[in-house]
Amino acid sequence: MNRIEALYSDLSRLGRETEMMDTVITMLADDLMESTTADGHSRQVVISRVVDGGFELAGLINDKLSTASADSADASGDLSDDPADDVRIRYRRCHLAFTAAAAQLTKLPEDTVFDYRGLQLTPGDIVPQRIGEIVIAHDSLGTAWTIEEADPDSALDALETLIRRLRIAEAAPALVVDSTEGDHWQIGNNGQAVNGDREDLVHWLAWGYPGELESDSELPTLPTLPRWT
């Protein structure tokens, strides 16, 4: 089964990951929204990035379909651009806008290309990309929830989201990345081998925290990745 064939199961999984993050941000008091996250920004900023990404992806899909309703267009424009809206409300609305658009992805040819923040995504990549962004952002918030609580396939989506970003980053080191779960990626030629579980690989690629990763030599310095949300 290719990824577009898994669209509806992916959307269901996205719903679960989104709901878990929604529960966390709903409980955060306003003053805790300004606490620093793993990527050095406030929780408010990280959540706002996720919101913007959801609306942006929805807009890209609707542009390709050329069938966006007036209501969807208004939502993706007004809500994403109005800083007066509470970020919790915008988070929920961007999820609705994204899922409404993403449910139509099967109408597009599988070789359709979306230019999303420097990435070239196919229809089958869109929902996994969004799941990855949600999981990475959620983990970075520094609450009781950690990536270990994500669905294993969602942790894989988060890792692949970061691999995509690393591939387009300037001065990315050549790597051969293997996870203990059996995943394999090659970046460049004759790369340094790095091994570990998905969670530790995500933490290293996103924020430079190596955890219990293994390699024959010192882990290379990673470039600052383009925004992952």
Protein backbone atom coordinates (compact mmCIF):
# COMPACT_ATOMS: atom_id res chain seq x y z
CA MET A 1 0.00 0.00 0.00
CA ASN A 2 1.43 3.39 -0.98
CA ARG A 3 0.89 6.46 1.17
CA ILE A 4 -2.03 7.91 -0.78
CA GLU A 5 -3.82 4.57 -0.39
CA ALA A 6 -3.30 4.93 3.36
CA LEU A 7 -4.80 8.45 3.34
CA TYR A 8 -7.79 7.79 5.53
CA SER A 9 -5.91 5.77 8.14
CA ASP A 10 -3.27 8.53 8.15
CA LEU A 11 -5.97 11.17 8.65
CA SER A 12 -7.37 9.16 11.55
CA ARG A 13 -3.92 8.99 13.14
CA LEU A 14 -3.43 12.71 12.54
CA GLY A 15 -6.70 13.30 14.37
CA ARG A 16 -5.44 11.39 17.41
CA GLU A 17 -2.09 13.20 17.51
CA THR A 18 -3.79 16.57 17.03
CA GLU A 19 -6.30 15.86 19.79
CA MET A 20 -3.55 14.92 22.25
CA MET A 21 -1.73 18.18 21.56
CA ASP A 22 -4.99 20.09 21.79
CA THR A 23 -5.59 18.64 25.26
CA VAL A 24 -2.16 19.84 26.37
CA ILE A 25 -2.40 23.38 25.00
CA THR A 26 -5.95 23.76 26.34
CA MET A 27 -4.63 23.15 29.85
CA LEU A 28 -1.68 25.54 29.54
CA ALA A 29 -2.25 28.79 31.39
CA ASP A 30 -1.50 31.95 29.45
CA ASP A 31 1.73 32.60 31.37
CA LEU A 32 2.97 29.08 30.54
CA MET A 33 2.51 29.85 26.85
CA GLU A 34 5.60 32.04 27.10
CA SER A 35 7.85 29.29 28.51
CA THR A 36 10.79 28.39 26.28
CA THR A 37 10.55 25.19 24.25
CA ALA A 38 13.19 22.74 23.04
CA ASP A 39 13.86 24.84 19.93
CA GLY A 40 14.40 28.01 21.97
CA HIS A 41 11.13 29.74 21.18
CA SER A 42 8.04 30.25 23.31
CA ARG A 43 5.23 27.73 23.29
CA GLN A 44 3.05 30.43 21.77
CA VAL A 45 5.44 30.72 18.81
CA VAL A 46 5.70 26.96 18.27
CA ILE A 47 1.93 26.48 18.32
CA SER A 48 1.46 29.45 15.99
CA ARG A 49 3.91 27.87 13.54
CA VAL A 50 1.90 24.67 13.54
CA VAL A 51 -1.27 26.65 12.92
CA ASP A 52 0.31 28.52 10.01
CA GLY A 53 1.59 25.27 8.53
CA GLY A 54 -1.86 23.68 8.65
CA PHE A 55 -3.50 26.58 6.87
CA GLU A 56 -0.67 26.79 4.35
CA LEU A 57 -0.94 23.11 3.43
CA ALA A 58 -4.72 23.39 3.18
CA GLY A 59 -4.32 26.35 0.84
CA LEU A 60 -1.83 24.48 -1.35
CA ILE A 61 -4.20 21.53 -1.66
CA ASN A 62 -7.17 23.74 -2.45
CA ASP A 63 -5.14 25.61 -5.06
CA LYS A 64 -4.34 22.32 -6.77
CA LEU A 65 -7.94 21.18 -6.63
CA SER A 66 -9.26 24.60 -7.69
CA THR A 67 -12.43 23.71 -5.79
CA ALA A 68 -11.95 25.50 -2.47
CA SER A 69 -15.23 26.70 -1.07
CA ALA A 70 -15.67 30.32 -0.06
CA ASP A 71 -15.88 29.26 3.58
CA SER A 72 -12.60 27.32 3.40
CA ALA A 73 -10.86 30.22 1.69
CA ASP A 74 -12.08 32.63 4.33
CA ALA A 75 -10.96 30.33 7.12
CA SER A 76 -7.48 29.79 5.74
CA GLY A 77 -6.99 33.51 5.18
CA ASP A 78 -8.68 35.32 8.04
CA LEU A 79 -7.90 32.90 10.84
CA SER A 80 -4.26 32.35 9.97
CA ASP A 81 -3.56 36.06 9.60
CA ASP A 82 -5.47 37.47 12.57
CA PRO A 83 -3.13 37.66 15.58
CA ALA A 84 -6.03 38.66 17.81
CA ASP A 85 -7.47 35.15 17.67
CA ASP A 86 -6.54 32.88 20.56
CA VAL A 87 -3.94 30.40 19.32
CA ARG A 88 -5.92 27.52 20.84
CA ILE A 89 -8.94 28.37 18.70
CA ARG A 90 -6.80 28.82 15.61
CA TYR A 91 -5.15 25.45 16.28
CA ARG A 92 -8.51 23.68 16.18
CA ARG A 93 -9.70 25.56 13.13
CA CYS A 94 -6.54 24.94 11.14
CA HIS A 95 -6.97 21.22 11.79
CA LEU A 96 -10.50 21.37 10.38
CA ALA A 97 -9.30 23.34 7.35
CA PHE A 98 -6.44 20.92 6.74
CA THR A 99 -8.44 17.71 7.10
CA ALA A 100 -11.22 19.03 4.85
CA ALA A 101 -8.68 19.75 2.14
CA ALA A 102 -6.57 16.63 2.69
CA ALA A 103 -9.60 14.35 2.37
CA GLN A 104 -9.66 15.36 -1.31
CA LEU A 105 -6.05 14.42 -2.07
CA THR A 106 -7.05 11.19 -3.81
CA LYS A 107 -8.57 13.33 -6.58
CA LEU A 108 -5.12 14.50 -7.62
CA PRO A 109 -2.61 12.56 -9.76
CA GLU A 110 -0.07 10.80 -7.58
CA ASP A 111 2.78 12.69 -9.26
CA THR A 112 1.34 16.11 -8.35
CA VAL A 113 4.04 18.21 -6.69
CA PHE A 114 3.42 20.65 -3.84
CA ASP A 115 6.10 23.25 -3.15
CA TYR A 116 5.91 23.59 0.63
CA ARG A 117 8.61 25.69 2.27
CA GLY A 118 11.34 24.36 0.04
CA LEU A 119 10.09 20.76 0.11
CA GLN A 120 8.68 19.00 -2.93
CA LEU A 121 5.81 16.87 -1.63
CA THR A 122 3.51 14.46 -3.42
CA PRO A 123 -0.13 13.96 -2.37
CA GLY A 124 0.94 10.88 -0.41
CA ASP A 125 3.49 12.93 1.54
CA ILE A 126 1.13 15.66 2.72
CA VAL A 127 -0.62 13.99 5.67
CA PRO A 128 2.54 12.24 6.97
CA GLN A 129 4.31 15.61 6.78
CA ARG A 130 1.54 17.19 8.84
CA ILE A 131 1.61 14.36 11.39
CA GLY A 132 5.36 14.80 11.72
CA GLU A 133 5.00 18.54 12.32
CA ILE A 134 2.39 17.98 15.04
CA VAL A 135 4.49 15.34 16.83
CA ILE A 136 7.70 17.39 16.72
CA ALA A 137 5.94 20.52 17.94
CA HIS A 138 4.11 18.63 20.67
CA ASP A 139 7.31 17.06 21.96
CA SER A 140 9.13 20.39 21.92
CA LEU A 141 6.59 22.01 24.26
CA GLY A 142 8.24 20.41 27.29
CA THR A 143 5.07 19.16 28.97
CA ALA A 144 4.34 15.75 30.49
CA TRP A 145 3.72 14.42 26.97
CA THR A 146 6.74 13.11 25.08
CA ILE A 147 7.26 11.56 21.66
CA GLU A 148 7.37 8.13 23.29
CA GLU A 149 3.59 8.45 23.67
CA ALA A 150 3.03 9.03 19.97
CA ASP A 151 1.90 6.21 17.71
CA PRO A 152 5.00 4.40 16.37
CA ASP A 153 4.03 5.32 12.82
CA SER A 154 3.67 8.95 13.90
CA ALA A 155 7.18 8.92 15.36
CA LEU A 156 8.34 7.60 11.98
CA ASP A 157 6.51 10.44 10.24
CA ALA A 158 8.26 12.93 12.53
CA LEU A 159 11.64 11.42 11.68
CA GLU A 160 10.92 11.46 7.96
CA THR A 161 9.83 15.10 8.23
CA LEU A 162 13.26 15.94 9.63
CA ILE A 163 15.07 13.80 7.04
CA ARG A 164 13.29 15.76 4.30
CA ARG A 165 14.46 19.01 5.85
CA LEU A 166 18.01 17.77 6.25
CA ARG A 167 18.16 16.78 2.57
CA ILE A 168 17.53 20.39 1.50
CA ALA A 169 19.67 22.04 4.18
CA GLU A 170 22.94 23.66 3.18
CA ALA A 171 26.09 21.91 4.40
CA ALA A 172 24.19 18.80 5.52
CA PRO A 173 26.62 16.02 6.49
CA ALA A 174 26.63 12.76 4.58
CA LEU A 175 24.85 10.20 6.78
CA VAL A 176 23.59 6.67 6.80
CA VAL A 177 20.76 6.66 9.34
CA ASP A 178 19.34 3.41 10.70
CA SER A 179 16.73 3.11 13.39
CA THR A 180 16.39 0.20 15.77
CA GLU A 181 12.87 -0.18 14.37
CA GLY A 182 14.32 -1.09 10.96
CA ASP A 183 14.14 2.20 9.05
CA HIS A 184 17.00 3.23 6.75
CA TRP A 185 17.97 6.50 5.04
CA GLN A 186 21.04 7.57 3.12
CA ILE A 187 21.94 11.25 2.82
CA GLY A 188 24.80 11.98 0.44
CA ASN A 189 27.56 9.49 -0.39
CA ASN A 190 29.80 7.48 1.94
CA GLY A 191 28.03 8.92 4.96
CA GLN A 192 28.78 8.38 8.63
CA ALA A 193 26.58 5.67 10.13
CA VAL A 194 24.27 6.77 12.94
CA ASN A 195 22.02 4.31 14.75
CA GLY A 196 19.35 4.65 17.41
CA ASP A 197 15.65 4.55 18.07
CA ARG A 198 13.25 6.87 16.28
CA GLU A 199 12.73 9.08 19.29
CA ASP A 200 16.45 9.74 19.84
CA LEU A 201 16.96 10.35 16.13
CA VAL A 202 14.16 12.93 16.15
CA HIS A 203 15.67 14.71 19.14
CA TRP A 204 19.09 14.82 17.50
CA LEU A 205 17.91 16.01 14.10
CA ALA A 206 15.48 18.56 15.53
CA TRP A 207 17.49 20.01 18.43
CA GLY A 208 20.91 18.36 18.53
CA TYR A 209 20.20 16.16 21.57
CA PRO A 210 21.94 12.82 20.85
CA GLY A 211 20.36 10.73 23.58
CA GLU A 212 21.67 7.17 23.21
CA LEU A 213 22.55 7.32 19.51
CA GLU A 214 25.48 5.19 18.40
CA SER A 215 28.15 5.93 15.80
CA ASP A 216 31.73 4.84 15.13
CA SER A 217 32.94 8.43 15.55
CA GLU A 218 31.75 11.66 17.11
CA LEU A 219 28.38 12.75 15.82
CA PRO A 220 28.72 15.45 13.17
CA THR A 221 27.52 18.98 13.68
CA LEU A 222 24.16 19.43 12.04
CA PRO A 223 23.20 22.54 10.10
CA THR A 224 20.32 24.60 11.37
CA LEU A 225 17.41 23.01 9.59
CA PRO A 226 14.88 25.08 7.70
CA ARG A 227 11.79 25.60 9.82
CA TRP A 228 10.22 22.24 10.49
CA THR A 229 6.82 23.88 10.96
